[in-house]
């Protein structure tokens, strides 16, 4: 099992993906939040 974060912009384009190899590890939420802020 793994965790993942995807950010999709208003044009349905995936702009950010991060996979974490262990369920007990957390993705880099700060990077994901910044990707959301930059998505148009």
C-alpha atoms as a PDB file:
ATOM      1  CA  UNK A   1       0.000   0.000   0.000  1.00  0.00           C
ATOM      2  CA  UNK A   2       1.078   3.571  -0.564  1.00  0.00           C
ATOM      3  CA  UNK A   3      -0.141   7.110  -0.128  1.00  0.00           C
ATOM      4  CA  UNK A   4      -0.446   9.576  -2.954  1.00  0.00           C
ATOM      5  CA  UNK A   5      -1.350  13.218  -3.532  1.00  0.00           C
ATOM      6  CA  UNK A   6      -2.571  14.519  -6.873  1.00  0.00           C
ATOM      7  CA  UNK A   7      -3.255  18.162  -7.754  1.00  0.00           C
ATOM      8  CA  UNK A   8      -5.451  18.779 -10.785  1.00  0.00           C
ATOM      9  CA  UNK A   9      -5.949  22.248 -12.273  1.00  0.00           C
ATOM     10  CA  UNK A  10      -9.163  23.704 -13.703  1.00  0.00           C
ATOM     11  CA  UNK A  11      -8.293  22.281 -17.136  1.00  0.00           C
ATOM     12  CA  UNK A  12      -8.181  18.755 -15.660  1.00  0.00           C
ATOM     13  CA  UNK A  13      -4.397  18.640 -16.055  1.00  0.00           C
ATOM     14  CA  UNK A  14      -2.462  16.866 -13.318  1.00  0.00           C
ATOM     15  CA  UNK A  15       0.068  19.415 -12.077  1.00  0.00           C
ATOM     16  CA  UNK A  16       1.523  17.615  -9.062  1.00  0.00           C
ATOM     17  CA  UNK A  17       1.938  13.981  -8.040  1.00  0.00           C
ATOM     18  CA  UNK A  18       3.662  12.552  -5.015  1.00  0.00           C
ATOM     19  CA  UNK A  19       3.789   8.917  -3.946  1.00  0.00           C
ATOM     20  CA  UNK A  20       5.027   7.844  -0.536  1.00  0.00           C
ATOM     21  CA  UNK A  21       6.319   4.278  -0.261  1.00  0.00           C
ATOM     22  CA  UNK A  22       4.865   3.524   3.170  1.00  0.00           C
ATOM     23  CA  UNK A  23       1.361   4.214   4.452  1.00  0.00           C
ATOM     24  CA  UNK A  24       2.868   5.307   7.757  1.00  0.00           C
ATOM     25  CA  UNK A  25       4.883   8.067   6.034  1.00  0.00           C
ATOM     26  CA  UNK A  26       3.303  11.372   5.143  1.00  0.00           C
ATOM     27  CA  UNK A  27       3.706  13.178   1.844  1.00  0.00           C
ATOM     28  CA  UNK A  28       5.175  16.676   1.742  1.00  0.00           C
ATOM     29  CA  UNK A  29       1.970  18.584   2.454  1.00  0.00           C
ATOM     30  CA  UNK A  30       3.649  21.971   2.057  1.00  0.00           C
ATOM     31  CA  UNK A  31       4.670  21.162  -1.533  1.00  0.00           C
ATOM     32  CA  UNK A  32       1.177  19.918  -2.281  1.00  0.00           C
ATOM     33  CA  UNK A  33      -0.419  23.077  -0.863  1.00  0.00           C
ATOM     34  CA  UNK A  34       1.929  25.229  -2.940  1.00  0.00           C
ATOM     35  CA  UNK A  35       0.990  23.217  -6.034  1.00  0.00           C
ATOM     36  CA  UNK A  36      -2.701  23.847  -5.306  1.00  0.00           C
ATOM     37  CA  UNK A  37      -2.057  27.578  -4.971  1.00  0.00           C
ATOM     38  CA  UNK A  38      -0.230  27.623  -8.329  1.00  0.00           C
ATOM     39  CA  UNK A  39      -2.814  25.498 -10.181  1.00  0.00           C
ATOM     40  CA  UNK A  40      -5.066  27.553 -12.410  1.00  0.00           C
END
